[in-house]
Amino acid sequence: MNMEREASRVKRQRHCQQTSREGNVKDDAVLRLTFDIWRYHEFQGATNDCAPFCVAIAANALLGEKRYRADEVARTLDRPVWRWWPPPPLLVRRLPRWATFPWGPADALRRMGFQARWSLLASEERLRQNLCEDRITFVSVGDLWRWSGLRYRGWGHVKILYGLDAERGWAFVDPALNPATATDTWGQMGIGWQDEVSFTQQWGNMLRWTTEVESWISN
C-alpha cells in the first residue's frame, strides 16, 4: 500500500468515526473506495447478467488487470457446481441467463481465489464501514413482489458500492450503465448515484443482501 492511499484511508476513517457518532454524513464527510474500481467497469447490455458482471469487475479490479471476461463469468455461473462442504453438494448459483441467487457471486469469487462472503439483513453502517476499509461490496436492489394486474413485474439488480456523499447519496459502479452513451462524467465512468431514501427502500426489498470481497489469496 502506498503512502497516498494510506493517508486517504486515515482521513476516511476519521469521517467514519464522525458518521458513527452523529448517525449520518455531515458536511464534507464523503466516503469512497480509494482504488479506481470503475476502470474495470463492463456494460451488461440487454442481458440479466448484472451479478456476474459485478464478479468480473471486482476480480479484475483487485488483480489490477482484465483477466476475467464478464460474459464468460456469466456462462460459468449458469452451470451448477459440486462441492464437498457445506451442503448441498450440488450448488445451483443461478437460473441460467436470468436471476442469480445470493450465494452465487460469493461462490464464484472464492473459486477464483478471493475471500468472499454473502449475507442478508446487512446495515447501512456496515456499508459505511466497508467503504472505510476499502472492502468491495455488492448490493442488490429491486422489488420482487411487484405486480401489474395479473402480470408479474418483479425485478432485481446488483451493483458495486463505490461511495457515499452527503448530498447525492450512494454511488455505485453499475454494470447497467453504458459509459459510451452517458451524458455526465460519472456515467462515463460507469458510476451512478441513488438517493438514500430510494436505496434504503429498494435494498430492503431484497432483504439487504450484500456480497463482500476481502482480498485475493491465491499464489
C-alpha atoms as a PDB file:
ATOM      1  CA  MET A   1       0.000   0.000   0.000  1.00  0.00           C
ATOM      2  CA  ASN A   2       1.462   3.373  -0.982  1.00  0.00           C
ATOM      3  CA  MET A   3       1.624   6.415   1.308  1.00  0.00           C
ATOM      4  CA  GLU A   4      -1.038   8.349  -0.625  1.00  0.00           C
ATOM      5  CA  ARG A   5      -3.562   5.555  -0.286  1.00  0.00           C
ATOM      6  CA  GLU A   6      -2.733   5.102   3.412  1.00  0.00           C
ATOM      7  CA  ALA A   7      -3.246   8.841   4.036  1.00  0.00           C
ATOM      8  CA  SER A   8      -6.594   8.654   2.259  1.00  0.00           C
ATOM      9  CA  ARG A   9      -7.557   5.656   4.385  1.00  0.00           C
ATOM     10  CA  VAL A  10      -6.745   7.515   7.619  1.00  0.00           C
ATOM     11  CA  LYS A  11      -8.769  10.552   6.535  1.00  0.00           C
ATOM     12  CA  ARG A  12     -11.672   8.355   5.557  1.00  0.00           C
ATOM     13  CA  GLN A  13     -11.581   6.513   8.888  1.00  0.00           C
ATOM     14  CA  ARG A  14     -11.951   9.855  10.661  1.00  0.00           C
ATOM     15  CA  HIS A  15     -15.057  10.511   8.579  1.00  0.00           C
ATOM     16  CA  CYS A  16     -16.350   7.078   9.565  1.00  0.00           C
ATOM     17  CA  GLN A  17     -15.830   7.843  13.224  1.00  0.00           C
ATOM     18  CA  GLN A  18     -17.754  11.085  12.721  1.00  0.00           C
ATOM     19  CA  THR A  19     -20.679   9.401  10.978  1.00  0.00           C
ATOM     20  CA  SER A  20     -20.750   6.674  13.621  1.00  0.00           C
ATOM     21  CA  ARG A  21     -21.143   9.296  16.362  1.00  0.00           C
ATOM     22  CA  GLU A  22     -23.596  11.542  14.520  1.00  0.00           C
ATOM     23  CA  GLY A  23     -25.647   8.908  12.726  1.00  0.00           C
ATOM     24  CA  ASN A  24     -25.349  10.346   9.206  1.00  0.00           C
ATOM     25  CA  VAL A  25     -22.975  12.001   6.792  1.00  0.00           C
ATOM     26  CA  LYS A  26     -22.271  15.659   7.597  1.00  0.00           C
ATOM     27  CA  ASP A  27     -20.760  18.493   5.592  1.00  0.00           C
ATOM     28  CA  ASP A  28     -17.634  17.308   3.779  1.00  0.00           C
ATOM     29  CA  ALA A  29     -17.750  13.742   5.100  1.00  0.00           C
ATOM     30  CA  VAL A  30     -17.521  11.990   1.746  1.00  0.00           C
ATOM     31  CA  LEU A  31     -16.540   8.338   1.666  1.00  0.00           C
ATOM     32  CA  ARG A  32     -15.372   6.320  -1.322  1.00  0.00           C
ATOM     33  CA  LEU A  33     -13.101   3.462  -2.281  1.00  0.00           C
ATOM     34  CA  THR A  34      -9.509   4.591  -2.700  1.00  0.00           C
ATOM     35  CA  PHE A  35      -8.828   2.459  -5.771  1.00  0.00           C
ATOM     36  CA  ASP A  36     -10.415   3.061  -9.156  1.00  0.00           C
ATOM     37  CA  ILE A  37     -12.638   0.008  -9.485  1.00  0.00           C
ATOM     38  CA  TRP A  38     -14.611   1.898 -12.128  1.00  0.00           C
ATOM     39  CA  ARG A  39     -11.720   1.439 -14.550  1.00  0.00           C
ATOM     40  CA  TYR A  40     -12.784  -2.218 -14.836  1.00  0.00           C
ATOM     41  CA  HIS A  41     -16.442  -1.454 -15.480  1.00  0.00           C
ATOM     42  CA  GLU A  42     -18.207  -3.533 -18.141  1.00  0.00           C
ATOM     43  CA  PHE A  43     -21.602  -2.774 -19.602  1.00  0.00           C
ATOM     44  CA  GLN A  44     -24.043  -5.684 -19.363  1.00  0.00           C
ATOM     45  CA  GLY A  45     -26.206  -4.516 -22.262  1.00  0.00           C
ATOM     46  CA  ALA A  46     -29.664  -6.067 -22.532  1.00  0.00           C
ATOM     47  CA  THR A  47     -28.727  -9.158 -20.503  1.00  0.00           C
ATOM     48  CA  ASN A  48     -29.773 -10.145 -16.981  1.00  0.00           C
ATOM     49  CA  ASP A  49     -26.107 -10.672 -16.083  1.00  0.00           C
ATOM     50  CA  CYS A  50     -25.607  -7.850 -13.574  1.00  0.00           C
ATOM     51  CA  ALA A  51     -24.294 -10.105 -10.782  1.00  0.00           C
ATOM     52  CA  PRO A  52     -21.774 -11.984 -12.991  1.00  0.00           C
ATOM     53  CA  PHE A  53     -20.609  -8.663 -14.427  1.00  0.00           C
ATOM     54  CA  CYS A  54     -20.038  -7.383 -10.880  1.00  0.00           C
ATOM     55  CA  VAL A  55     -17.988 -10.507 -10.161  1.00  0.00           C
ATOM     56  CA  ALA A  56     -15.745  -9.807 -13.156  1.00  0.00           C
ATOM     57  CA  ILE A  57     -15.411  -6.099 -12.327  1.00  0.00           C
ATOM     58  CA  ALA A  58     -14.437  -6.819  -8.717  1.00  0.00           C
ATOM     59  CA  ALA A  59     -11.998  -9.611  -9.562  1.00  0.00           C
ATOM     60  CA  ASN A  60     -10.245  -7.621 -12.280  1.00  0.00           C
ATOM     61  CA  ALA A  61     -10.018  -4.529 -10.075  1.00  0.00           C
ATOM     62  CA  LEU A  62      -8.388  -6.457  -7.242  1.00  0.00           C
ATOM     63  CA  LEU A  63      -5.980  -8.151  -9.654  1.00  0.00           C
ATOM     64  CA  GLY A  64      -5.219  -4.878 -11.428  1.00  0.00           C
ATOM     65  CA  GLU A  65      -5.728  -6.482 -14.831  1.00  0.00           C
ATOM     66  CA  LYS A  66      -8.613  -7.575 -17.046  1.00  0.00           C
ATOM     67  CA  ARG A  67      -8.191 -11.290 -16.523  1.00  0.00           C
ATOM     68  CA  TYR A  68     -11.873 -12.252 -16.494  1.00  0.00           C
ATOM     69  CA  ARG A  69     -14.429 -11.558 -19.207  1.00  0.00           C
ATOM     70  CA  ALA A  70     -17.809 -10.778 -17.727  1.00  0.00           C
ATOM     71  CA  ASP A  71     -19.790 -12.709 -20.347  1.00  0.00           C
ATOM     72  CA  GLU A  72     -17.687 -15.810 -19.660  1.00  0.00           C
ATOM     73  CA  VAL A  73     -18.206 -15.427 -15.907  1.00  0.00           C
ATOM     74  CA  ALA A  74     -21.960 -15.303 -16.557  1.00  0.00           C
ATOM     75  CA  ARG A  75     -21.952 -18.558 -18.505  1.00  0.00           C
ATOM     76  CA  THR A  76     -19.832 -20.183 -15.762  1.00  0.00           C
ATOM     77  CA  LEU A  77     -22.334 -19.132 -13.111  1.00  0.00           C
ATOM     78  CA  ASP A  78     -25.144 -20.580 -15.229  1.00  0.00           C
ATOM     79  CA  ARG A  79     -23.753 -24.053 -14.514  1.00  0.00           C
ATOM     80  CA  PRO A  80     -24.266 -25.822 -11.148  1.00  0.00           C
ATOM     81  CA  VAL A  81     -21.101 -26.900  -9.325  1.00  0.00           C
ATOM     82  CA  TRP A  82     -20.181 -29.736  -6.989  1.00  0.00           C
ATOM     83  CA  ARG A  83     -18.655 -29.103  -3.586  1.00  0.00           C
ATOM     84  CA  TRP A  84     -17.704 -31.152  -0.534  1.00  0.00           C
ATOM     85  CA  TRP A  85     -18.856 -28.695   2.131  1.00  0.00           C
ATOM     86  CA  PRO A  86     -21.153 -27.146   3.184  1.00  0.00           C
ATOM     87  CA  PRO A  87     -24.219 -28.920   1.822  1.00  0.00           C
ATOM     88  CA  PRO A  88     -25.907 -29.192  -0.593  1.00  0.00           C
ATOM     89  CA  PRO A  89     -23.251 -30.973  -2.670  1.00  0.00           C
ATOM     90  CA  LEU A  90     -24.728 -29.660  -5.938  1.00  0.00           C
ATOM     91  CA  LEU A  91     -24.875 -25.876  -5.757  1.00  0.00           C
ATOM     92  CA  VAL A  92     -27.177 -24.014  -8.137  1.00  0.00           C
ATOM     93  CA  ARG A  93     -25.824 -20.479  -8.256  1.00  0.00           C
ATOM     94  CA  ARG A  94     -28.044 -19.011 -10.925  1.00  0.00           C
ATOM     95  CA  LEU A  95     -31.089 -19.557 -13.088  1.00  0.00           C
ATOM     96  CA  PRO A  96     -29.364 -19.537 -16.498  1.00  0.00           C
ATOM     97  CA  ARG A  97     -29.363 -16.146 -18.199  1.00  0.00           C
ATOM     98  CA  TRP A  98     -31.777 -14.761 -15.622  1.00  0.00           C
ATOM     99  CA  ALA A  99     -31.555 -14.483 -11.826  1.00  0.00           C
ATOM    100  CA  THR A 100     -28.505 -15.045  -9.625  1.00  0.00           C
ATOM    101  CA  PHE A 101     -29.007 -16.422  -6.121  1.00  0.00           C
ATOM    102  CA  PRO A 102     -27.402 -14.505  -3.213  1.00  0.00           C
ATOM    103  CA  TRP A 103     -24.719 -17.163  -2.664  1.00  0.00           C
ATOM    104  CA  GLY A 104     -23.728 -17.285  -6.345  1.00  0.00           C
ATOM    105  CA  PRO A 105     -21.299 -14.336  -6.608  1.00  0.00           C
ATOM    106  CA  ALA A 106     -19.502 -15.249  -3.369  1.00  0.00           C
ATOM    107  CA  ASP A 107     -19.003 -18.842  -4.508  1.00  0.00           C
ATOM    108  CA  ALA A 108     -17.687 -17.711  -7.896  1.00  0.00           C
ATOM    109  CA  LEU A 109     -15.237 -15.287  -6.280  1.00  0.00           C
ATOM    110  CA  ARG A 110     -13.973 -17.913  -3.838  1.00  0.00           C
ATOM    111  CA  ARG A 111     -13.319 -20.289  -6.733  1.00  0.00           C
ATOM    112  CA  MET A 112     -11.271 -17.505  -8.347  1.00  0.00           C
ATOM    113  CA  GLY A 113      -9.140 -17.371  -5.193  1.00  0.00           C
ATOM    114  CA  PHE A 114     -10.690 -14.451  -3.316  1.00  0.00           C
ATOM    115  CA  GLN A 115     -12.046 -14.227   0.181  1.00  0.00           C
ATOM    116  CA  ALA A 116     -15.748 -13.521  -0.227  1.00  0.00           C
ATOM    117  CA  ARG A 117     -18.924 -13.932   1.777  1.00  0.00           C
ATOM    118  CA  TRP A 118     -22.577 -13.097   1.380  1.00  0.00           C
ATOM    119  CA  SER A 119     -25.172 -12.074   3.927  1.00  0.00           C
ATOM    120  CA  LEU A 120     -28.726 -10.856   4.379  1.00  0.00           C
ATOM    121  CA  LEU A 121     -30.033  -8.099   6.662  1.00  0.00           C
ATOM    122  CA  ALA A 122     -26.866  -6.008   6.456  1.00  0.00           C
ATOM    123  CA  SER A 123     -26.903  -2.442   7.773  1.00  0.00           C
ATOM    124  CA  GLU A 124     -26.070   0.918   6.238  1.00  0.00           C
ATOM    125  CA  GLU A 125     -23.458   1.305   8.960  1.00  0.00           C
ATOM    126  CA  ARG A 126     -21.814  -1.849   7.596  1.00  0.00           C
ATOM    127  CA  LEU A 127     -21.755  -0.297   4.122  1.00  0.00           C
ATOM    128  CA  ARG A 128     -20.035   2.802   5.525  1.00  0.00           C
ATOM    129  CA  GLN A 129     -17.510   0.641   7.347  1.00  0.00           C
ATOM    130  CA  ASN A 130     -16.759  -1.298   4.171  1.00  0.00           C
ATOM    131  CA  LEU A 131     -16.010   1.957   2.378  1.00  0.00           C
ATOM    132  CA  CYS A 132     -13.694   2.930   5.228  1.00  0.00           C
ATOM    133  CA  GLU A 133     -11.834  -0.355   4.939  1.00  0.00           C
ATOM    134  CA  ASP A 134     -11.710  -0.401   1.116  1.00  0.00           C
ATOM    135  CA  ARG A 135     -13.799  -3.562   1.047  1.00  0.00           C
ATOM    136  CA  ILE A 136     -15.620  -4.234  -2.210  1.00  0.00           C
ATOM    137  CA  THR A 137     -19.331  -4.689  -1.553  1.00  0.00           C
ATOM    138  CA  PHE A 138     -22.109  -5.812  -3.890  1.00  0.00           C
ATOM    139  CA  VAL A 139     -25.650  -4.785  -3.060  1.00  0.00           C
ATOM    140  CA  SER A 140     -28.929  -5.926  -4.557  1.00  0.00           C
ATOM    141  CA  VAL A 141     -31.830  -3.539  -5.080  1.00  0.00           C
ATOM    142  CA  GLY A 142     -35.255  -4.177  -6.540  1.00  0.00           C
ATOM    143  CA  ASP A 143     -38.825  -5.211  -5.882  1.00  0.00           C
ATOM    144  CA  LEU A 144     -39.516  -8.939  -6.067  1.00  0.00           C
ATOM    145  CA  TRP A 145     -43.217  -8.602  -5.230  1.00  0.00           C
ATOM    146  CA  ARG A 146     -44.255  -6.119  -7.894  1.00  0.00           C
ATOM    147  CA  TRP A 147     -47.333  -6.963  -9.955  1.00  0.00           C
ATOM    148  CA  SER A 148     -49.295  -5.151 -12.644  1.00  0.00           C
ATOM    149  CA  GLY A 149     -52.700  -6.768 -12.512  1.00  0.00           C
ATOM    150  CA  LEU A 150     -52.029 -10.463 -13.055  1.00  0.00           C
ATOM    151  CA  ARG A 151     -48.680  -9.803 -14.686  1.00  0.00           C
ATOM    152  CA  TYR A 152     -45.507 -10.236 -12.659  1.00  0.00           C
ATOM    153  CA  ARG A 153     -43.228  -7.189 -12.833  1.00  0.00           C
ATOM    154  CA  GLY A 154     -40.714  -8.094 -10.150  1.00  0.00           C
ATOM    155  CA  TRP A 155     -37.121  -7.059 -10.697  1.00  0.00           C
ATOM    156  CA  GLY A 156     -33.718  -7.079  -9.034  1.00  0.00           C
ATOM    157  CA  HIS A 157     -30.343  -5.586  -9.816  1.00  0.00           C
ATOM    158  CA  VAL A 158     -26.821  -5.999  -8.435  1.00  0.00           C
ATOM    159  CA  LYS A 159     -24.210  -3.226  -8.394  1.00  0.00           C
ATOM    160  CA  ILE A 160     -20.989  -2.384  -6.554  1.00  0.00           C
ATOM    161  CA  LEU A 161     -20.775   0.186  -3.787  1.00  0.00           C
ATOM    162  CA  TYR A 162     -18.322   2.976  -4.590  1.00  0.00           C
ATOM    163  CA  GLY A 163     -19.033   5.924  -2.312  1.00  0.00           C
ATOM    164  CA  LEU A 164     -21.351   7.981  -0.145  1.00  0.00           C
ATOM    165  CA  ASP A 165     -21.940  11.719  -0.400  1.00  0.00           C
ATOM    166  CA  ALA A 166     -23.920  13.938   1.966  1.00  0.00           C
ATOM    167  CA  GLU A 167     -25.974  15.442  -0.865  1.00  0.00           C
ATOM    168  CA  ARG A 168     -26.019  12.901  -3.683  1.00  0.00           C
ATOM    169  CA  GLY A 169     -26.494   9.747  -1.627  1.00  0.00           C
ATOM    170  CA  TRP A 170     -24.861   6.414  -2.501  1.00  0.00           C
ATOM    171  CA  ALA A 171     -22.588   5.901  -5.515  1.00  0.00           C
ATOM    172  CA  PHE A 172     -22.283   2.594  -7.340  1.00  0.00           C
ATOM    173  CA  VAL A 173     -20.240   1.104 -10.135  1.00  0.00           C
ATOM    174  CA  ASP A 174     -23.226  -0.108 -12.113  1.00  0.00           C
ATOM    175  CA  PRO A 175     -22.994  -2.628 -14.985  1.00  0.00           C
ATOM    176  CA  ALA A 176     -26.376  -1.382 -16.265  1.00  0.00           C
ATOM    177  CA  LEU A 177     -24.822   1.979 -17.183  1.00  0.00           C
ATOM    178  CA  ASN A 178     -23.361   2.420 -20.653  1.00  0.00           C
ATOM    179  CA  PRO A 179     -20.400   4.846 -20.453  1.00  0.00           C
ATOM    180  CA  ALA A 180     -20.481   5.284 -24.238  1.00  0.00           C
ATOM    181  CA  THR A 181     -23.877   6.981 -24.119  1.00  0.00           C
ATOM    182  CA  ALA A 182     -23.628   8.720 -20.726  1.00  0.00           C
ATOM    183  CA  THR A 183     -24.068  12.481 -20.705  1.00  0.00           C
ATOM    184  CA  ASP A 184     -22.258  13.212 -17.431  1.00  0.00           C
ATOM    185  CA  THR A 185     -18.770  12.497 -16.141  1.00  0.00           C
ATOM    186  CA  TRP A 186     -19.923   9.999 -13.525  1.00  0.00           C
ATOM    187  CA  GLY A 187     -21.874   7.976 -16.060  1.00  0.00           C
ATOM    188  CA  GLN A 188     -18.890   7.943 -18.398  1.00  0.00           C
ATOM    189  CA  MET A 189     -17.015   6.200 -15.569  1.00  0.00           C
ATOM    190  CA  GLY A 190     -19.819   3.660 -15.151  1.00  0.00           C
ATOM    191  CA  ILE A 191     -20.842   5.233 -11.832  1.00  0.00           C
ATOM    192  CA  GLY A 192     -24.425   6.029 -10.918  1.00  0.00           C
ATOM    193  CA  TRP A 193     -25.947   7.738  -7.876  1.00  0.00           C
ATOM    194  CA  GLN A 194     -29.003   6.766  -5.863  1.00  0.00           C
ATOM    195  CA  ASP A 195     -30.558   8.877  -3.143  1.00  0.00           C
ATOM    196  CA  GLU A 196     -30.613   7.402   0.354  1.00  0.00           C
ATOM    197  CA  VAL A 197     -34.396   7.107   0.585  1.00  0.00           C
ATOM    198  CA  SER A 198     -34.916   5.093  -2.605  1.00  0.00           C
ATOM    199  CA  PHE A 199     -31.825   2.976  -1.948  1.00  0.00           C
ATOM    200  CA  THR A 200     -32.952   2.081   1.569  1.00  0.00           C
ATOM    201  CA  GLN A 201     -36.357   1.030   0.217  1.00  0.00           C
ATOM    202  CA  GLN A 202     -35.091  -0.988  -2.745  1.00  0.00           C
ATOM    203  CA  TRP A 203     -32.266  -2.611  -0.795  1.00  0.00           C
ATOM    204  CA  GLY A 204     -34.722  -3.540   1.946  1.00  0.00           C
ATOM    205  CA  ASN A 205     -36.976  -5.158  -0.654  1.00  0.00           C
ATOM    206  CA  MET A 206     -34.103  -7.550  -1.365  1.00  0.00           C
ATOM    207  CA  LEU A 207     -33.546  -8.321   2.347  1.00  0.00           C
ATOM    208  CA  ARG A 208     -30.436  -6.119   2.344  1.00  0.00           C
ATOM    209  CA  TRP A 209     -28.342  -8.705   0.524  1.00  0.00           C
ATOM    210  CA  THR A 210     -24.633  -7.953   0.286  1.00  0.00           C
ATOM    211  CA  THR A 211     -21.590  -9.785  -1.018  1.00  0.00           C
ATOM    212  CA  GLU A 212     -18.248  -8.660   0.421  1.00  0.00           C
ATOM    213  CA  VAL A 213     -14.899  -9.316  -1.243  1.00  0.00           C
ATOM    214  CA  GLU A 214     -11.866  -9.098   1.018  1.00  0.00           C
ATOM    215  CA  SER A 215      -8.738  -9.858  -0.962  1.00  0.00           C
ATOM    216  CA  TRP A 216      -7.004 -12.157  -3.397  1.00  0.00           C
ATOM    217  CA  ILE A 217      -5.477 -15.120  -1.583  1.00  0.00           C
ATOM    218  CA  SER A 218      -4.158 -17.280  -4.431  1.00  0.00           C
ATOM    219  CA  ASN A 219      -0.453 -17.648  -5.055  1.00  0.00           C
END
